[in-house]
Amino acid sequence: MLLFPLFKAVRAGRRVVGTRRRPGAGDLQQALNTLARSARPRARRLDTDLRWLRLCWRLSGGAARPVRDEALFLTAALLTLGHDAAVVVGRRTAPTAAADYLYWVTVDGVVVSTGIPVEELYTPVASLPQAQPVSETSTTGV
């Protein structure tokens, strides 16, 4: 495994988490969309990348931070490594006294950041980066 792409991904993840934590530091959606556009698809194993990124997150003191910071970190880092990642915010489906929100990471529509059955317990409210609309081109040659 090449370490330079991993270090670059960790740096991008930390930058995005810093964007969320500092007021006026920039738009979170814009930062993630930029990473999604600039990432080149790579032949990398998702499970290996995820394992190393989680280790880097925990060693840097991330275990004491909110879950949303870990989800943003993983999404930005996975986008940098060429994976089609998105952070999803969901609201608990069952009615409770207080609104219960959860952040999780998906890659190609598969949840990779939590073992909780989020499809059953939560309703997605938002997703970042948002999918870019595909422009339709006319196939008729007139």
Foldseek 3Di string as FASTA:
>chain_A
DDCVLLVVLQVLLVLLLVCVVDPPSDDSQVSQVVLLVPADADPDDPVVSVVVQVVVCVVVVNVPPDPVSVQSSVSSSCSSNRFQKKKWKWWFPDDDPDTDIDIFMDTPRHTDRDPDPCVPTTDTDDMGPDDDDDDDDDPDDD
